[in-house]
């Protein structure tokens, strides 16, 4: 290859947000000189990252290099606008799926996800140019960048990293999202993972924001996990949490939400969470049942046997919208949501809704199994229907529509 065809460059990555979590779906290469439109068939992209061997007791992590599928390749200007003429910026779009493209890796410590280090894309072009692209990306942007990352230490010494979205228009509504087990704090994670670990960025999206009339969004990150009884992870044994119906964080998190609501002038607070976060949603609702405009426990993990009759009575006046899938293998509904919902009905819960499905199926049409059928997720991922506003309480009322109704009723 002639040296005159050597083209040096650097690149940045974009992390998109999808039903299953996040994936690197685009790389933007900055070249040291302008080139003509390259041939997509001659570009090969390899991905170097850490992956988890879930077959090992310690969740061993090892380095893996695999090929990524390039779906589009085009030139652009410095603003990212596509151009046909020679340019010094090159956009590489990459195929993603539930099994391809994630920049996260699951650690052995309580199964928490962190950013893979290293994470690199390697570009090999066999056409008229010889690309020499620095392997380490220079910048990472994400779908969660509409949120701001912050940190706050409570008077009890507990520090919450958190992400917040501030709407353009004034609103008195605060929406609080509580994450699942895998998105807690540890070295290598950050406050964006509770958003990117699921399709959490929809809460700042135009559809949700317009439906509820605008909302501040608060996403606190737990220092360990919400089901932690003592803040020291002592109830995490043999890859499972031995829940006793309490949380070390209940009082602290309750005060933290109060502080943020006061800061932004929120008079209404809507609470939602999945799995561990669904557990904490019920903990907070039982702790102060008069505080929340609405609460949405999704695949909630409070063992029904740990909920007292007195606690059920405290929930009777809380507007509740449960979401779960019948085939959830992680939080078995018959031990959690199902009996709790029946007890709430028997106690006369005034505003109780339930969205239940047999399975969790891809509704985007983008992903299929080997037989061409819609991709089926593990039943625990019932939050996918919530994130896409596809829940249904049996009357056609979705959780998002229900939230909007609650908020509007309180404004009258």
Protein backbone atom coordinates (compact mmCIF):
# COMPACT_ATOMS: atom_id res chain seq x y z
CA UNK A 1 0.00 0.00 0.00
CA UNK A 2 1.43 3.36 -1.00
CA UNK A 3 2.09 5.72 1.90
CA UNK A 4 0.19 8.47 0.09
CA UNK A 5 -3.03 6.48 0.72
CA UNK A 6 -2.42 6.20 4.44
CA UNK A 7 -5.09 8.13 6.36
CA UNK A 8 -4.69 8.76 10.08
CA UNK A 9 -7.58 9.50 12.40
CA UNK A 10 -9.34 9.28 15.73
CA UNK A 11 -12.91 8.34 16.59
CA UNK A 12 -15.67 8.84 19.09
CA UNK A 13 -18.56 6.52 19.94
CA UNK A 14 -22.28 6.97 20.50
CA UNK A 15 -24.16 4.74 22.94
CA UNK A 16 -27.81 4.35 22.01
CA UNK A 17 -30.65 3.27 24.33
CA UNK A 18 -32.72 0.19 23.54
CA UNK A 19 -35.31 -2.10 25.12
CA UNK A 20 -32.67 -4.41 26.58
CA UNK A 21 -30.31 -1.61 27.63
CA UNK A 22 -27.61 0.15 25.63
CA UNK A 23 -25.29 -0.49 22.71
CA UNK A 24 -22.62 1.29 20.68
CA UNK A 25 -24.48 1.88 17.44
CA UNK A 26 -22.31 4.55 15.83
CA UNK A 27 -18.71 5.66 15.52
CA UNK A 28 -17.65 9.00 14.05
CA UNK A 29 -14.13 9.01 12.67
CA UNK A 30 -12.22 12.27 12.31
CA UNK A 31 -9.60 11.95 9.58
CA UNK A 32 -6.48 14.06 9.10
CA UNK A 33 -7.43 14.76 5.49
CA UNK A 34 -10.46 14.61 3.23
CA UNK A 35 -11.33 11.42 1.37
CA UNK A 36 -13.90 10.33 -1.20
CA UNK A 37 -16.84 8.10 -0.29
CA UNK A 38 -15.43 4.71 0.83
CA UNK A 39 -16.83 1.30 -0.09
CA UNK A 40 -18.86 -0.17 2.79
CA UNK A 41 -18.11 -3.72 1.66
CA UNK A 42 -14.40 -3.16 2.26
CA UNK A 43 -14.66 -1.95 5.85
CA UNK A 44 -14.23 -4.42 8.72
CA UNK A 45 -14.85 -3.32 12.30
CA UNK A 46 -13.68 -5.37 15.27
CA UNK A 47 -14.80 -4.74 18.84
CA UNK A 48 -12.44 -5.28 21.77
CA UNK A 49 -14.07 -5.39 25.20
CA UNK A 50 -14.48 -7.32 28.43
CA UNK A 51 -17.22 -9.94 28.73
CA UNK A 52 -18.53 -12.06 31.59
CA UNK A 53 -18.39 -15.84 31.81
CA UNK A 54 -21.65 -16.45 33.67
CA UNK A 55 -20.91 -20.18 33.83
CA UNK A 56 -18.22 -19.56 36.45
CA UNK A 57 -19.11 -19.09 40.14
CA UNK A 58 -17.13 -15.84 40.37
CA UNK A 59 -18.51 -14.39 37.10
CA UNK A 60 -15.01 -14.31 35.64
CA UNK A 61 -14.31 -11.45 33.22
CA UNK A 62 -12.13 -11.88 30.16
CA UNK A 63 -11.21 -9.93 27.04
CA UNK A 64 -12.95 -10.72 23.77
CA UNK A 65 -12.48 -9.47 20.20
CA UNK A 66 -15.37 -9.98 17.80
CA UNK A 67 -16.54 -8.53 14.50
CA UNK A 68 -19.31 -5.93 14.38
CA UNK A 69 -21.78 -5.67 11.50
CA UNK A 70 -21.57 -2.37 9.61
CA UNK A 71 -25.02 -1.22 8.45
CA UNK A 72 -24.08 2.13 6.91
CA UNK A 73 -20.99 4.13 6.02
CA UNK A 74 -21.01 7.74 4.86
CA UNK A 75 -19.09 11.00 4.89
CA UNK A 76 -20.23 13.97 6.93
CA UNK A 77 -19.13 17.46 7.91
CA UNK A 78 -18.02 18.54 11.38
CA UNK A 79 -21.68 18.95 12.41
CA UNK A 80 -22.47 15.35 11.53
CA UNK A 81 -24.46 16.28 8.41
CA UNK A 82 -24.20 13.76 5.59
CA UNK A 83 -22.33 14.89 2.50
CA UNK A 84 -21.53 13.32 -0.89
CA UNK A 85 -18.35 15.25 -1.54
CA UNK A 86 -14.90 14.61 -0.10
CA UNK A 87 -14.86 15.12 3.69
CA UNK A 88 -12.69 14.44 6.70
CA UNK A 89 -15.40 12.93 8.89
CA UNK A 90 -16.69 9.39 8.42
CA UNK A 91 -19.77 7.91 10.11
CA UNK A 92 -19.86 4.17 10.74
CA UNK A 93 -23.28 2.83 11.79
CA UNK A 94 -23.31 -0.55 13.50
CA UNK A 95 -25.96 -3.24 13.93
CA UNK A 96 -27.07 -3.81 17.52
CA UNK A 97 -29.23 -6.45 19.19
CA UNK A 98 -29.79 -7.89 22.68
CA UNK A 99 -26.62 -9.96 22.09
CA UNK A 100 -24.48 -7.47 20.16
CA UNK A 101 -22.92 -4.12 20.86
CA UNK A 102 -23.17 -3.51 24.60
CA UNK A 103 -20.29 -1.52 26.15
CA UNK A 104 -21.21 -2.82 29.62
CA UNK A 105 -19.89 -5.83 31.51
CA UNK A 106 -21.44 -7.56 34.52
CA UNK A 107 -19.17 -7.84 37.55
CA UNK A 108 -19.16 -10.64 40.10
CA UNK A 109 -19.88 -8.17 42.90
CA UNK A 110 -23.66 -8.43 43.31
CA UNK A 111 -24.05 -8.68 39.52
CA UNK A 112 -23.61 -4.93 38.98
CA UNK A 113 -22.83 -3.58 35.51
CA UNK A 114 -19.88 -1.30 34.79
CA UNK A 115 -18.45 0.28 31.64
CA UNK A 116 -16.11 -2.16 29.91
CA UNK A 117 -12.47 -1.14 30.23
CA UNK A 118 -11.07 -1.46 27.66
CA UNK A 119 -13.70 -0.79 25.04
CA UNK A 120 -12.24 -0.27 21.59
CA UNK A 121 -13.28 -0.39 17.94
CA UNK A 122 -10.64 -1.44 15.41
CA UNK A 123 -11.13 -0.31 11.79
CA UNK A 124 -9.64 -2.22 8.85
CA UNK A 125 -10.28 -0.89 5.33
CA UNK A 126 -9.15 -2.93 2.32
CA UNK A 127 -10.03 -0.34 -0.31
CA UNK A 128 -8.14 2.57 -1.78
CA UNK A 129 -7.14 3.96 1.63
CA UNK A 130 -5.14 2.47 4.43
CA UNK A 131 -6.81 3.61 7.65
CA UNK A 132 -4.67 4.08 10.75
CA UNK A 133 -7.23 4.95 13.43
CA UNK A 134 -6.20 5.32 17.06
CA UNK A 135 -7.75 2.34 18.92
CA UNK A 136 -8.86 4.30 22.01
CA UNK A 137 -11.92 6.50 21.41
CA UNK A 138 -11.58 10.18 22.21
CA UNK A 139 -15.15 10.83 23.33
CA UNK A 140 -18.27 8.93 24.38
CA UNK A 141 -21.72 10.44 23.98
CA UNK A 142 -24.89 8.65 25.01
CA UNK A 143 -28.66 8.76 24.73
CA UNK A 144 -28.68 9.75 28.41
CA UNK A 145 -26.81 13.01 27.85
CA UNK A 146 -30.06 14.97 28.20
CA UNK A 147 -29.70 14.14 31.90
CA UNK A 148 -27.17 15.75 34.23
CA UNK A 149 -25.06 13.64 36.59
CA UNK A 150 -24.76 14.84 40.18
CA UNK A 151 -23.94 13.59 43.68
CA UNK A 152 -25.28 14.40 47.14
CA UNK A 153 -24.31 13.23 50.62
CA UNK A 154 -27.11 13.01 53.17
CA UNK A 155 -26.73 13.93 56.82
CA UNK A 156 -26.65 10.20 57.62
CA UNK A 157 -23.51 9.83 55.52
CA UNK A 158 -25.14 8.02 52.59
CA UNK A 159 -24.02 9.42 49.22
CA UNK A 160 -26.33 9.19 46.24
CA UNK A 161 -24.97 9.62 42.77
CA UNK A 162 -27.95 10.57 40.63
CA UNK A 163 -29.11 11.71 37.20
CA UNK A 164 -31.68 14.46 36.67
CA UNK A 165 -33.65 15.79 33.74
CA UNK A 166 -34.97 19.35 33.87
CA UNK A 167 -37.83 20.14 31.46
CA UNK A 168 -37.85 23.38 29.49
CA UNK A 169 -41.23 24.46 30.82
CA UNK A 170 -42.11 25.02 34.47
CA UNK A 171 -43.86 22.08 36.12
CA UNK A 172 -44.73 20.97 39.64
CA UNK A 173 -44.32 17.25 38.83
CA UNK A 174 -41.36 15.13 39.90
CA UNK A 175 -41.00 11.64 38.45
CA UNK A 176 -38.64 9.34 40.39
CA UNK A 177 -37.22 6.18 38.84
CA UNK A 178 -35.62 3.45 40.98
CA UNK A 179 -33.30 1.06 39.16
CA UNK A 180 -32.79 -2.69 39.38
CA UNK A 181 -29.95 -4.67 40.95
CA UNK A 182 -27.46 -4.34 38.09
CA UNK A 183 -27.31 -0.54 38.03
CA UNK A 184 -26.02 0.19 41.56
CA UNK A 185 -22.92 2.19 42.43
CA UNK A 186 -19.42 0.81 42.21
CA UNK A 187 -16.13 1.75 40.60
CA UNK A 188 -16.56 1.67 36.84
CA UNK A 189 -20.25 2.56 36.83
CA UNK A 190 -21.89 5.99 36.85
CA UNK A 191 -25.27 7.63 37.33
CA UNK A 192 -26.17 7.11 33.66
CA UNK A 193 -26.33 3.31 34.01
CA UNK A 194 -29.74 3.30 35.79
CA UNK A 195 -30.99 4.95 32.58
CA UNK A 196 -28.95 3.03 30.02
CA UNK A 197 -29.42 -0.36 31.69
CA UNK A 198 -32.96 -0.25 30.30
CA UNK A 199 -34.71 2.11 27.90
CA UNK A 200 -34.82 4.71 30.62
CA UNK A 201 -34.18 7.72 28.43
CA UNK A 202 -37.83 7.66 27.32
CA UNK A 203 -38.68 9.52 30.53
CA UNK A 204 -37.06 12.61 29.01
CA UNK A 205 -38.62 11.90 25.63
CA UNK A 206 -41.23 14.04 23.93
CA UNK A 207 -44.03 11.46 24.25
CA UNK A 208 -43.77 10.93 28.01
CA UNK A 209 -43.12 14.58 28.76
CA UNK A 210 -46.07 15.78 26.67
CA UNK A 211 -48.42 13.17 28.14
CA UNK A 212 -47.73 14.17 31.75
CA UNK A 213 -47.50 17.88 31.01
CA UNK A 214 -43.78 18.07 31.73
CA UNK A 215 -41.85 16.47 34.58
CA UNK A 216 -38.58 16.75 36.41
CA UNK A 217 -36.99 13.29 36.40
CA UNK A 218 -34.85 12.10 39.31
CA UNK A 219 -32.90 8.84 39.01
CA UNK A 220 -30.93 8.07 42.20
CA UNK A 221 -28.27 5.36 42.14
CA UNK A 222 -28.13 3.08 45.17
CA UNK A 223 -24.71 2.76 46.87
CA UNK A 224 -25.29 -1.03 47.04
CA UNK A 225 -28.78 -2.34 46.14
CA UNK A 226 -32.22 -1.22 47.29
CA UNK A 227 -33.03 -4.58 48.92
CA UNK A 228 -29.94 -4.33 51.13
CA UNK A 229 -31.11 -4.70 54.75
CA UNK A 230 -28.02 -3.22 56.44
CA UNK A 231 -26.09 -1.34 53.74
CA UNK A 232 -23.32 -3.97 53.88
CA UNK A 233 -24.65 -6.54 51.37
CA UNK A 234 -24.85 -9.23 54.06
CA UNK A 235 -28.20 -10.51 52.73
CA UNK A 236 -26.69 -11.31 49.32
CA UNK A 237 -25.83 -14.99 49.46
CA UNK A 238 -25.40 -17.70 46.81
CA UNK A 239 -26.21 -15.28 43.98
CA UNK A 240 -29.55 -14.31 45.56
CA UNK A 241 -30.87 -11.67 47.95
CA UNK A 242 -32.55 -12.91 51.12
CA UNK A 243 -35.15 -10.15 51.42
CA UNK A 244 -36.87 -9.48 54.74
CA UNK A 245 -39.23 -6.69 53.67
CA UNK A 246 -36.97 -3.88 54.86
CA UNK A 247 -34.31 -1.66 53.30
CA UNK A 248 -31.40 0.19 54.82
CA UNK A 249 -32.15 3.09 52.46
CA UNK A 250 -35.87 3.70 53.07
CA UNK A 251 -35.66 6.71 55.40
CA UNK A 252 -32.60 8.23 53.74
CA UNK A 253 -33.99 7.96 50.22
CA UNK A 254 -37.35 9.30 51.36
CA UNK A 255 -35.62 12.43 52.72
CA UNK A 256 -33.47 12.74 49.59
CA UNK A 257 -36.60 12.78 47.40
CA UNK A 258 -38.12 15.42 49.70
CA UNK A 259 -35.04 17.60 49.33
CA UNK A 260 -35.05 17.37 45.55
CA UNK A 261 -38.81 17.94 45.31
CA UNK A 262 -38.41 21.08 47.42
CA UNK A 263 -35.48 22.25 45.28
CA UNK A 264 -37.47 22.07 42.02
CA UNK A 265 -40.78 23.16 43.53
CA UNK A 266 -42.55 19.83 42.92
CA UNK A 267 -45.95 19.43 44.56
CA UNK A 268 -46.63 16.04 42.98
CA UNK A 269 -44.29 13.05 43.10
CA UNK A 270 -44.74 9.94 40.97
CA UNK A 271 -42.63 6.93 41.91
CA UNK A 272 -41.72 3.94 39.71
CA UNK A 273 -39.12 1.20 39.74
CA UNK A 274 -38.32 -2.29 38.50
CA UNK A 275 -37.22 -5.41 40.37
CA UNK A 276 -35.00 -4.06 43.20
CA UNK A 277 -36.47 -0.67 42.35
CA UNK A 278 -39.98 -2.13 42.46
CA UNK A 279 -39.12 -3.36 45.95
CA UNK A 280 -38.03 0.13 46.97
CA UNK A 281 -41.14 1.63 45.34
CA UNK A 282 -43.34 -0.36 47.72
CA UNK A 283 -41.04 0.35 50.69
CA UNK A 284 -41.38 4.10 50.14
CA UNK A 285 -45.13 3.91 49.47
CA UNK A 286 -45.69 1.94 52.68
CA UNK A 287 -43.43 4.30 54.62
CA UNK A 288 -45.35 7.45 53.61
CA UNK A 289 -48.55 6.49 51.79
CA UNK A 290 -49.80 10.09 51.65
CA UNK A 291 -46.71 11.35 49.81
CA UNK A 292 -47.02 9.91 46.32
CA UNK A 293 -49.36 10.96 43.55
CA UNK A 294 -48.92 7.50 42.03
CA UNK A 295 -46.62 4.49 42.38
CA UNK A 296 -45.72 1.94 39.71
CA UNK A 297 -44.04 -1.25 41.03
CA UNK A 298 -42.68 -3.24 38.07
CA UNK A 299 -41.74 -6.92 38.62
CA UNK A 300 -41.53 -5.86 42.27
CA UNK A 301 -39.51 -8.14 44.53
CA UNK A 302 -41.09 -7.75 47.97
CA UNK A 303 -41.92 -11.28 49.21
CA UNK A 304 -45.60 -11.16 50.08
CA UNK A 305 -44.93 -13.12 53.29
CA UNK A 306 -42.92 -10.14 54.60
CA UNK A 307 -45.77 -7.64 54.13
CA UNK A 308 -47.91 -7.25 57.23
CA UNK A 309 -51.65 -6.67 57.17
CA UNK A 310 -50.97 -3.22 58.62
CA UNK A 311 -48.70 -2.42 55.68
CA UNK A 312 -51.41 -3.54 53.25
CA UNK A 313 -53.82 -1.14 54.98
CA UNK A 314 -51.28 1.67 54.56
CA UNK A 315 -51.20 1.04 50.80
CA UNK A 316 -54.97 1.07 50.34
CA UNK A 317 -55.14 4.78 49.57
CA UNK A 318 -52.02 4.84 47.35
CA UNK A 319 -52.77 4.86 43.59
CA UNK A 320 -50.93 1.74 42.35
CA UNK A 321 -50.19 0.32 38.91
CA UNK A 322 -48.43 -3.07 38.99
CA UNK A 323 -46.58 -4.50 35.98
CA UNK A 324 -45.27 -8.06 35.67
CA UNK A 325 -44.96 -11.06 33.35
CA UNK A 326 -46.28 -14.46 34.34
CA UNK A 327 -43.07 -16.22 33.28
CA UNK A 328 -40.68 -14.10 35.39
CA UNK A 329 -38.04 -16.61 36.60
CA UNK A 330 -36.17 -14.12 38.81
CA UNK A 331 -39.04 -12.61 40.82
CA UNK A 332 -41.70 -15.32 40.77
CA UNK A 333 -45.07 -13.50 40.64
CA UNK A 334 -46.84 -16.14 42.77
CA UNK A 335 -44.53 -15.27 45.67
CA UNK A 336 -44.57 -11.51 45.16
CA UNK A 337 -47.01 -9.40 43.11
CA UNK A 338 -49.87 -11.90 42.72
CA UNK A 339 -50.71 -12.48 46.42
CA UNK A 340 -49.98 -8.84 47.30
CA UNK A 341 -52.40 -7.61 44.64
CA UNK A 342 -55.09 -10.01 45.91
CA UNK A 343 -54.64 -8.75 49.47
CA UNK A 344 -54.88 -5.15 48.26
CA UNK A 345 -58.10 -5.95 46.42
CA UNK A 346 -59.54 -7.63 49.51
CA UNK A 347 -58.56 -4.63 51.64
CA UNK A 348 -60.45 -2.30 49.29
CA UNK A 349 -57.57 -0.58 47.46
CA UNK A 350 -59.27 2.34 45.74
CA UNK A 351 -57.04 2.83 42.70
CA UNK A 352 -55.39 -0.45 41.73
CA UNK A 353 -54.33 -1.39 38.20
CA UNK A 354 -52.39 -4.39 36.92
CA UNK A 355 -50.71 -4.98 33.56
CA UNK A 356 -49.78 -8.63 33.20
CA UNK A 357 -48.47 -10.53 30.17
CA UNK A 358 -47.67 -14.18 29.51
CA UNK A 359 -44.22 -13.34 28.14
CA UNK A 360 -42.05 -10.36 27.23
CA UNK A 361 -41.92 -10.17 23.44
CA UNK A 362 -40.15 -7.70 21.15
CA UNK A 363 -42.76 -5.39 19.65
CA UNK A 364 -40.38 -3.27 17.56
CA UNK A 365 -40.29 -5.80 14.71
CA UNK A 366 -36.49 -5.48 14.56
CA UNK A 367 -35.49 -8.71 16.27
CA UNK A 368 -36.49 -12.31 15.60
CA UNK A 369 -35.45 -15.73 16.82
CA UNK A 370 -33.99 -18.46 14.61
CA UNK A 371 -37.47 -19.39 13.40
CA UNK A 372 -38.37 -15.84 12.43
CA UNK A 373 -40.67 -15.29 15.40
CA UNK A 374 -40.50 -12.07 17.46
CA UNK A 375 -37.57 -12.15 19.88
CA UNK A 376 -38.61 -13.27 23.36
CA UNK A 377 -36.88 -11.67 26.33
CA UNK A 378 -36.53 -13.26 29.74
CA UNK A 379 -39.82 -12.75 31.59
CA UNK A 380 -38.18 -10.56 34.23
CA UNK A 381 -37.80 -7.72 31.71
CA UNK A 382 -41.45 -6.62 31.96
CA UNK A 383 -40.24 -3.03 32.33
CA UNK A 384 -39.79 -3.07 28.53
CA UNK A 385 -43.57 -2.69 28.14
CA UNK A 386 -43.56 0.21 30.60
CA UNK A 387 -40.67 1.97 28.85
CA UNK A 388 -42.50 1.77 25.51
CA UNK A 389 -45.92 2.78 26.89
CA UNK A 390 -47.27 -0.65 26.00
CA UNK A 391 -48.71 -1.68 29.35
CA UNK A 392 -52.45 -2.44 29.56
CA UNK A 393 -54.52 -2.88 32.71
CA UNK A 394 -57.15 -4.87 30.82
CA UNK A 395 -59.22 -1.82 29.93
CA UNK A 396 -56.73 -0.34 27.47
CA UNK A 397 -55.30 2.09 30.05
CA UNK A 398 -51.49 2.23 29.99
CA UNK A 399 -49.33 3.22 32.94
CA UNK A 400 -48.27 6.44 31.18
CA UNK A 401 -51.90 7.40 30.52
CA UNK A 402 -52.76 6.57 34.12
CA UNK A 403 -49.93 8.77 35.42
CA UNK A 404 -51.21 11.64 33.26
CA UNK A 405 -54.73 11.12 34.65
CA UNK A 406 -53.47 11.21 38.24
CA UNK A 407 -51.44 14.36 37.65
CA UNK A 408 -54.32 16.16 35.93
CA UNK A 409 -56.82 15.15 38.62
CA UNK A 410 -54.61 16.70 41.29
CA UNK A 411 -54.38 19.97 39.34
CA UNK A 412 -58.15 20.42 39.19
